[in-house]
Protein backbone atom coordinates (compact mmCIF):
# COMPACT_ATOMS: atom_id res chain seq x y z
CA UNK A 1 50.80 51.81 106.20
CA UNK A 2 54.35 52.88 105.16
CA UNK A 3 55.14 53.91 101.35
CA UNK A 4 57.68 51.03 99.89
CA UNK A 5 59.25 50.96 96.49
CA UNK A 6 60.67 47.96 95.41
CA UNK A 7 63.85 47.79 92.89
CA UNK A 8 63.66 44.50 91.11
CA UNK A 9 66.56 44.35 88.64
CA UNK A 10 67.39 42.15 85.57
CA UNK A 11 67.28 38.64 86.77
CA UNK A 12 64.24 38.71 89.02
CA UNK A 13 62.56 39.88 86.11
CA UNK A 14 63.92 37.74 82.93
CA UNK A 15 61.95 35.56 82.33
CA UNK A 16 57.78 35.40 82.14
CA UNK A 17 57.41 33.37 84.89
CA UNK A 18 59.82 35.31 87.19
CA UNK A 19 57.78 39.02 86.41
CA UNK A 20 54.34 36.54 87.36
CA UNK A 21 56.35 36.10 91.16
CA UNK A 22 57.36 39.41 91.28
CA UNK A 23 53.58 40.57 91.14
CA UNK A 24 52.66 38.22 93.93
CA UNK A 25 55.56 39.78 96.30
CA UNK A 26 54.26 43.40 94.95
CA UNK A 27 50.81 41.90 96.23
CA UNK A 28 51.22 40.48 99.43
CA UNK A 29 52.74 43.84 100.30
CA UNK A 30 49.92 45.52 98.91
CA UNK A 31 47.46 42.88 100.85
CA UNK A 32 48.96 44.46 103.53
CA UNK A 33 47.88 48.12 103.05
CA UNK A 34 51.41 49.51 102.16
CA UNK A 35 51.07 52.30 99.18
CA UNK A 36 53.55 50.63 96.20
CA UNK A 37 56.24 52.24 94.09
CA UNK A 38 57.84 49.33 91.90
CA UNK A 39 61.52 50.44 89.70
CA UNK A 40 62.17 47.14 86.68
CA UNK A 41 65.28 46.95 85.23
CA UNK A 42 64.92 45.17 81.45
CA UNK A 43 65.22 41.86 81.68
CA UNK A 44 68.62 40.03 82.18
CA UNK A 45 71.05 40.20 79.11
CA UNK A 46 68.24 42.58 77.24
CA UNK A 47 70.25 45.31 77.82
CA UNK A 48 73.69 43.77 76.41
CA UNK A 49 71.89 42.75 73.36
CA UNK A 50 70.75 46.24 72.40
CA UNK A 51 74.37 47.32 72.59
CA UNK A 52 75.27 44.84 70.68
CA UNK A 53 72.40 45.46 68.10
CA UNK A 54 73.77 49.24 68.00
CA UNK A 55 77.06 48.13 67.31
CA UNK A 56 75.74 46.05 64.08
CA UNK A 57 74.40 49.28 63.10
CA UNK A 58 77.51 51.83 63.99
CA UNK A 59 80.81 50.53 66.13
CA UNK A 60 80.91 53.70 67.91
CA UNK A 61 76.93 54.09 68.70
CA UNK A 62 75.24 57.75 68.54
CA UNK A 63 75.12 58.76 72.54
CA UNK A 64 71.52 60.21 72.06
CA UNK A 65 70.27 57.37 69.90
CA UNK A 66 71.63 54.45 71.70
CA UNK A 67 70.03 55.92 75.26
CA UNK A 68 66.30 55.64 73.01
CA UNK A 69 67.19 52.34 72.26
CA UNK A 70 68.37 51.39 75.75
CA UNK A 71 65.51 52.33 77.40
CA UNK A 72 63.32 50.59 75.40
CA UNK A 73 64.25 47.55 77.63
CA UNK A 74 62.83 48.60 80.68
CA UNK A 75 59.00 49.49 78.51
CA UNK A 76 58.47 45.94 78.31
CA UNK A 77 59.14 44.44 82.16
CA UNK A 78 56.51 47.35 83.49
CA UNK A 79 53.97 46.75 81.25
CA UNK A 80 54.65 43.06 81.76
CA UNK A 81 54.55 43.65 85.48
CA UNK A 82 51.38 46.07 85.36
CA UNK A 83 49.68 42.93 83.02
CA UNK A 84 50.18 40.28 86.15
CA UNK A 85 49.00 42.73 88.58
CA UNK A 86 45.60 43.62 86.82
CA UNK A 87 45.38 39.64 86.51
CA UNK A 88 45.48 39.47 89.66
CA UNK A 89 43.00 41.78 90.67
CA UNK A 90 44.86 44.97 91.68
CA UNK A 91 45.07 48.47 89.70
CA UNK A 92 48.20 49.58 88.82
CA UNK A 93 49.54 51.76 86.28
CA UNK A 94 53.39 52.12 84.52
CA UNK A 95 55.94 55.14 83.15
CA UNK A 96 58.73 55.78 81.87
CA UNK A 97 60.99 57.99 83.22
CA UNK A 98 59.63 60.95 80.62
CA UNK A 99 56.12 59.95 81.52
CA UNK A 100 57.00 60.70 85.75
CA UNK A 101 59.17 63.13 83.90
CA UNK A 102 62.89 62.35 86.11
CA UNK A 103 64.18 65.25 85.01
CA UNK A 104 67.75 64.90 84.58
CA UNK A 105 71.09 66.25 82.81
CA UNK A 106 72.24 65.82 79.21
CA UNK A 107 75.30 63.16 79.84
CA UNK A 108 74.04 60.75 77.46
CA UNK A 109 74.61 57.13 78.46
CA UNK A 110 75.43 58.61 81.75
CA UNK A 111 73.18 61.31 82.95
CA UNK A 112 72.37 62.67 86.84
CA UNK A 113 68.88 63.34 88.67
CA UNK A 114 68.30 67.14 88.63
CA UNK A 115 64.89 66.56 89.88
CA UNK A 116 61.61 64.35 89.87
CA UNK A 117 58.12 65.63 88.83
CA UNK A 118 56.39 63.14 91.70
CA UNK A 119 52.72 64.60 91.10
CA UNK A 120 51.08 61.83 89.06
CA UNK A 121 52.42 59.35 91.33
CA UNK A 122 51.11 60.58 94.30
CA UNK A 123 47.31 61.14 92.84
CA UNK A 124 47.78 57.16 91.79
CA UNK A 125 48.90 56.14 94.56
CA UNK A 126 46.04 57.79 96.40
CA UNK A 127 43.86 56.18 94.10
CA UNK A 128 44.94 52.87 95.70
CA UNK A 129 47.03 52.13 92.37
CA UNK A 130 50.92 50.53 92.20
CA UNK A 131 53.09 52.95 90.79
CA UNK A 132 55.93 50.31 88.11
CA UNK A 133 58.19 52.39 87.06
CA UNK A 134 60.72 52.16 84.42
CA UNK A 135 64.39 52.48 86.06
CA UNK A 136 67.45 53.44 84.33
CA UNK A 137 66.00 56.13 82.55
CA UNK A 138 64.72 59.64 82.17
CA UNK A 139 64.39 63.03 80.31
CA UNK A 140 66.79 66.22 79.85
CA UNK A 141 65.34 69.76 79.92
CA UNK A 142 64.58 69.25 76.11
CA UNK A 143 62.63 65.85 76.50
CA UNK A 144 65.54 63.67 75.23
CA UNK A 145 65.21 59.87 76.65
CA UNK A 146 68.58 59.88 78.65
CA UNK A 147 70.71 56.83 80.73
CA UNK A 148 71.71 56.93 83.65
CA UNK A 149 74.54 54.16 83.56
CA UNK A 150 74.96 50.74 84.13
CA UNK A 151 73.36 49.73 87.86
CA UNK A 152 70.67 52.82 87.20
CA UNK A 153 67.73 51.50 88.30
CA UNK A 154 68.96 51.41 91.41
CA UNK A 155 69.35 55.25 91.68
CA UNK A 156 66.00 55.46 90.05
CA UNK A 157 64.71 53.11 92.85
CA UNK A 158 66.20 55.88 95.73
CA UNK A 159 65.69 58.38 93.94
CA UNK A 160 62.10 58.09 93.89
CA UNK A 161 62.15 57.03 97.81
CA UNK A 162 63.41 60.29 98.53
CA UNK A 163 61.47 63.04 96.24
CA UNK A 164 58.28 60.80 98.17
CA UNK A 165 59.27 60.84 101.96
CA UNK A 166 59.09 56.73 101.12
CA UNK A 167 59.88 54.73 104.71
CA UNK A 168 61.60 52.13 102.82
CA UNK A 169 63.58 51.29 99.73
CA UNK A 170 63.94 47.93 98.73
CA UNK A 171 66.28 46.96 96.62
CA UNK A 172 65.79 43.05 95.53
CA UNK A 173 68.91 40.81 93.66
CA UNK A 174 70.12 37.93 94.01
CA UNK A 175 71.31 37.54 97.46
CA UNK A 176 69.69 37.43 100.78
CA UNK A 177 71.84 40.90 101.75
CA UNK A 178 74.98 42.36 102.71
CA UNK A 179 77.79 40.32 103.63
CA UNK A 180 80.62 40.20 105.97
CA UNK A 181 82.36 39.40 102.57
CA UNK A 182 82.08 37.27 99.82
CA UNK A 183 81.02 33.56 100.66
CA UNK A 184 82.09 32.16 97.54
CA UNK A 185 86.11 32.97 98.68
CA UNK A 186 84.08 32.32 102.93
CA UNK A 187 82.00 29.88 103.06
CA UNK A 188 81.40 31.00 107.17
CA UNK A 189 80.35 34.99 106.28
CA UNK A 190 77.94 36.36 108.21
CA UNK A 191 74.97 38.38 106.90
CA UNK A 192 74.74 42.24 108.53
CA UNK A 193 72.21 42.66 109.94
CA UNK A 194 72.44 46.26 109.58
CA UNK A 195 75.20 48.32 108.26
CA UNK A 196 75.32 52.43 107.48
CA UNK A 197 76.17 53.97 105.05
CA UNK A 198 79.10 55.02 105.15
CA UNK A 199 80.15 51.57 105.84
CA UNK A 200 78.16 50.38 102.77
CA UNK A 201 79.42 52.93 100.29
CA UNK A 202 83.09 51.70 101.15
CA UNK A 203 82.32 48.20 100.73
CA UNK A 204 80.53 49.17 96.89
CA UNK A 205 83.52 51.25 96.12
CA UNK A 206 86.10 48.87 97.11
CA UNK A 207 85.18 45.69 95.31
CA UNK A 208 81.85 45.10 96.74
CA UNK A 209 79.19 44.96 93.50
CA UNK A 210 76.02 44.60 95.84
CA UNK A 211 74.57 47.96 95.48
CA UNK A 212 75.58 50.43 92.53
CA UNK A 213 77.56 53.31 94.75
CA UNK A 214 75.46 55.98 93.26
CA UNK A 215 72.61 55.01 94.87
CA UNK A 216 74.52 54.63 98.17
CA UNK A 217 75.55 58.02 97.49
CA UNK A 218 72.04 59.45 97.19
CA UNK A 219 70.78 57.17 100.03
CA UNK A 220 72.74 58.59 102.51
CA UNK A 221 71.97 62.56 100.92
CA UNK A 222 68.26 62.76 101.46
CA UNK A 223 68.56 59.71 104.51
CA UNK A 224 66.52 56.96 102.83
CA UNK A 225 66.72 53.57 104.40
CA UNK A 226 68.00 51.27 101.75
CA UNK A 227 67.09 47.59 102.63
CA UNK A 228 68.88 45.02 100.24
CA UNK A 229 66.80 41.38 99.94
CA UNK A 230 66.99 38.09 97.89
CA UNK A 231 64.08 38.19 94.77
CA UNK A 232 62.70 34.78 95.72
CA UNK A 233 63.29 33.75 99.19
CA UNK A 234 62.23 35.40 102.42
CA UNK A 235 64.32 37.07 104.94
CA UNK A 236 65.14 40.38 106.48
CA UNK A 237 67.68 41.14 104.17
CA UNK A 238 70.12 43.71 105.23
CA UNK A 239 69.35 47.25 106.21
CA UNK A 240 71.71 50.38 104.98
CA UNK A 241 70.71 53.44 107.31
CA UNK A 242 72.52 56.31 108.84
CA UNK A 243 74.86 55.53 112.45
CA UNK A 244 73.02 55.04 115.38
CA UNK A 245 74.21 55.68 118.90
CA UNK A 246 74.79 51.88 119.33
CA UNK A 247 77.82 52.44 116.91
CA UNK A 248 80.01 52.28 120.30
CA UNK A 249 79.28 48.90 121.12
CA UNK A 250 80.06 47.96 116.97
CA UNK A 251 82.47 45.56 116.55
CA UNK A 252 85.84 46.89 114.96
CA UNK A 253 84.94 45.39 111.34
CA UNK A 254 82.11 44.79 109.77
CA UNK A 255 83.28 43.56 106.04
CA UNK A 256 86.50 42.72 104.37
CA UNK A 257 86.09 44.51 100.68
CA UNK A 258 88.47 43.11 97.93
CA UNK A 259 88.46 44.13 94.36
CA UNK A 260 91.66 42.35 91.87
CA UNK A 261 90.62 45.13 88.65
CA UNK A 262 93.59 46.37 90.44
CA UNK A 263 97.12 47.33 88.36
CA UNK A 264 100.39 49.07 90.06
CA UNK A 265 102.89 51.36 87.94
CA UNK A 266 106.12 52.42 90.28
CA UNK A 267 108.33 55.18 88.25
CA UNK A 268 111.77 54.77 90.47
CA UNK A 269 114.79 57.57 90.00
CA UNK A 270 112.64 60.68 89.42
CA UNK A 271 114.53 63.63 90.04
CA UNK A 272 113.19 65.50 93.66
CA UNK A 273 112.14 68.59 92.98
CA UNK A 274 108.52 70.35 93.96
CA UNK A 275 105.63 68.91 91.82
CA UNK A 276 106.78 66.00 90.41
CA UNK A 277 104.00 64.09 91.77
CA UNK A 278 101.89 66.61 90.20
CA UNK A 279 103.57 66.39 86.81
CA UNK A 280 103.33 62.64 86.41
CA UNK A 281 99.66 62.10 87.56
CA UNK A 282 98.46 65.56 86.03
CA UNK A 283 98.41 63.80 82.46
CA UNK A 284 96.83 60.38 84.16
CA UNK A 285 94.09 62.59 85.04
CA UNK A 286 93.95 64.66 81.54
CA UNK A 287 93.79 60.84 80.47
CA UNK A 288 90.69 60.58 82.55
CA UNK A 289 92.20 57.49 83.66
CA UNK A 290 91.28 57.07 87.92
CA UNK A 291 94.09 57.08 89.84
CA UNK A 292 93.40 55.02 93.41
CA UNK A 293 96.42 54.30 96.12
CA UNK A 294 98.96 56.49 95.87
CA UNK A 295 102.70 55.94 97.28
CA UNK A 296 105.89 58.43 97.89
CA UNK A 297 108.70 57.87 99.08
CA UNK A 298 112.34 59.86 99.48
CA UNK A 299 115.54 58.09 98.58
CA UNK A 300 119.36 59.60 99.99
CA UNK A 301 120.59 59.87 96.73
CA UNK A 302 118.09 62.96 96.01
CA UNK A 303 115.52 61.16 93.99
CA UNK A 304 111.95 59.83 95.00
CA UNK A 305 109.81 57.32 93.59
CA UNK A 306 106.31 57.65 92.91
CA UNK A 307 104.45 54.43 93.13
CA UNK A 308 99.71 54.45 92.27
CA UNK A 309 97.53 52.46 91.45
CA UNK A 310 95.06 52.27 87.97
CA UNK A 311 92.33 50.23 87.11
CA UNK A 312 93.19 46.85 85.34
CA UNK A 313 92.07 47.84 82.46
CA UNK A 314 93.90 51.41 82.49
CA UNK A 315 96.76 50.15 82.91
CA UNK A 316 98.23 49.84 79.22
CA UNK A 317 96.96 53.60 78.29
CA UNK A 318 98.60 54.83 82.07
CA UNK A 319 101.47 53.52 81.29
CA UNK A 320 102.45 54.84 77.92
CA UNK A 321 101.49 58.14 79.74
CA UNK A 322 103.76 57.73 82.63
CA UNK A 323 106.67 56.30 80.46
CA UNK A 324 106.28 59.85 78.33
CA UNK A 325 106.14 62.03 81.22
CA UNK A 326 108.76 59.68 83.67
CA UNK A 327 111.33 60.22 80.23
CA UNK A 328 110.93 63.67 80.04
CA UNK A 329 111.65 63.88 84.13
CA UNK A 330 114.72 61.97 84.15
CA UNK A 331 113.53 58.96 86.09
CA UNK A 332 115.65 55.73 85.95
CA UNK A 333 113.16 53.31 85.67
CA UNK A 334 109.23 52.38 85.08
CA UNK A 335 107.65 49.52 86.26
CA UNK A 336 104.40 48.15 85.47
CA UNK A 337 102.18 45.47 87.43
CA UNK A 338 98.95 44.18 86.36
CA UNK A 339 98.63 40.86 89.48
CA UNK A 340 98.08 43.24 92.31
CA UNK A 341 95.10 42.93 94.66
CA UNK A 342 93.20 45.41 97.20
CA UNK A 343 92.16 44.19 99.95
CA UNK A 344 90.22 46.69 102.59
CA UNK A 345 88.98 45.87 106.18
CA UNK A 346 85.59 48.72 106.50
CA UNK A 347 83.84 49.19 110.27
CA UNK A 348 82.96 52.97 111.38
CA UNK A 349 83.57 50.90 114.88
CA UNK A 350 87.16 52.20 114.18
CA UNK A 351 86.56 54.91 114.97
CA UNK A 352 86.67 53.84 118.80
CA UNK A 353 88.59 50.88 118.94
CA UNK A 354 92.32 50.87 119.06
CA UNK A 355 95.00 48.19 117.52
CA UNK A 356 93.22 47.29 113.88
CA UNK A 357 95.83 48.17 111.46
CA UNK A 358 98.05 46.92 113.78
CA UNK A 359 96.16 43.32 114.09
CA UNK A 360 95.43 43.48 110.31
CA UNK A 361 99.19 43.66 109.36
CA UNK A 362 100.45 40.81 112.40
CA UNK A 363 97.77 38.49 111.00
CA UNK A 364 98.71 39.00 106.87
CA UNK A 365 102.45 38.45 108.24
CA UNK A 366 101.60 35.38 110.26
CA UNK A 367 99.92 33.54 106.61
CA UNK A 368 103.32 35.20 105.00
CA UNK A 369 101.44 37.71 103.03
CA UNK A 370 103.80 40.61 102.22
CA UNK A 371 102.25 44.58 101.88
CA UNK A 372 102.75 46.40 99.10
CA UNK A 373 100.52 49.53 99.68
CA UNK A 374 98.83 51.07 102.77
CA UNK A 375 96.25 53.32 102.84
CA UNK A 376 93.45 54.35 105.80
CA UNK A 377 90.65 56.43 106.30
CA UNK A 378 88.69 57.29 109.06
CA UNK A 379 86.61 53.59 108.83
CA UNK A 380 89.00 51.68 106.61
CA UNK A 381 92.52 50.27 106.10
CA UNK A 382 93.11 48.93 102.76
CA UNK A 383 96.04 47.05 101.39
CA UNK A 384 97.96 46.09 97.56
CA UNK A 385 98.73 42.38 97.96
CA UNK A 386 100.25 40.37 95.21
CA UNK A 387 96.97 38.79 93.52
CA UNK A 388 97.97 35.02 94.44
CA UNK A 389 97.54 36.19 97.90
CA UNK A 390 93.61 37.39 97.49
CA UNK A 391 91.94 34.51 99.32
CA UNK A 392 94.10 33.65 101.72
CA UNK A 393 94.17 37.02 102.90
CA UNK A 394 90.59 37.81 103.55
CA UNK A 395 90.27 33.86 104.95
CA UNK A 396 92.62 34.74 107.47
CA UNK A 397 91.39 38.51 107.94
CA UNK A 398 87.77 37.09 108.20
CA UNK A 399 88.78 34.75 111.24
CA UNK A 400 91.39 37.32 113.50
CA UNK A 401 88.15 39.60 113.13
CA UNK A 402 85.82 37.73 114.16
CA UNK A 403 83.92 37.61 111.61
CA UNK A 404 82.58 34.27 110.46
CA UNK A 405 79.00 33.07 111.15
CA UNK A 406 78.75 31.91 115.12
CA UNK A 407 79.83 27.92 115.79
CA UNK A 408 81.65 28.28 112.42
CA UNK A 409 84.32 26.24 111.99
């Protein structure tokens, strides 16, 4: 027997038929003797529908009222799942985030969890009930409904697992695990049996959309074993947990992440004086624009060039700010480039394997791909490339680091 938290996303509960299938899956685990907490998202498309309704009334919906509206989506699915379980003879009870008392701060539309009162859930579990909780939502100290932002149901699931000391938090989605890279790009991509929190966090932050970053951070902080599984296909999925003692045996690379949503700004010919990087990047930060890769080069004529990347959606705003700053500093030119991408190798095995960077650079050179920028961490190497070479780069690296399925051509 174990205490298991299962989270099902919007596609998993997108219709009555699928909710019935979720009920069958939950019932199977209950029959095996496990205590069950189930966290649900709203039906797929429902949150977008509610946002659209709000915008028809108010162009910029009042954040508090928007949260009241959005939280209704999960109420539908938790009630329907409980009804489906009752029909099968299982005792089940639904809870909104406020009824559980998932206490959050007051940052509407992007709240963060502070604490969870698990007493009611424990009482239900002790009586043999399946507890069904609305994901994505909580309540602040004043009793206002709050929501956790896009993908927040993952965070709800992990937070409940941490609060109740669950044996495992299972995230059910439309993929059967975490892959070495996107199978739509590389046919021979391989499902990983296991990956560390560190690796998953890097993969998520670098473009992998399997799990929400905040959920992985939460799981790592509280050491909650996470397992990614397919909603409607049987299989072991991928376990995400702490780094184990066998890391020395791990391959250098666990996976390859990529991100198309990158853009690059270069400021050329800045007078080389102390603080110029701060003077350029500080206004970008003040505008709440996140900067990713940064490279600075010193020229022989006492000037410097500064290049950095931002999200492609922020390029126009960032470029306007940089041009104004560059003019004040007396820089020669500002160049914007929206046709770049970032490709990254991720693996805790890098700590015990030398030569990963040189192998990566040689592989890209062999297929005539030029590297524009490089950034590294202890378990990651990222390169910025021309966007048109992204798929070629991913395939070449996947093959070079032998990540393909055994027997793949």
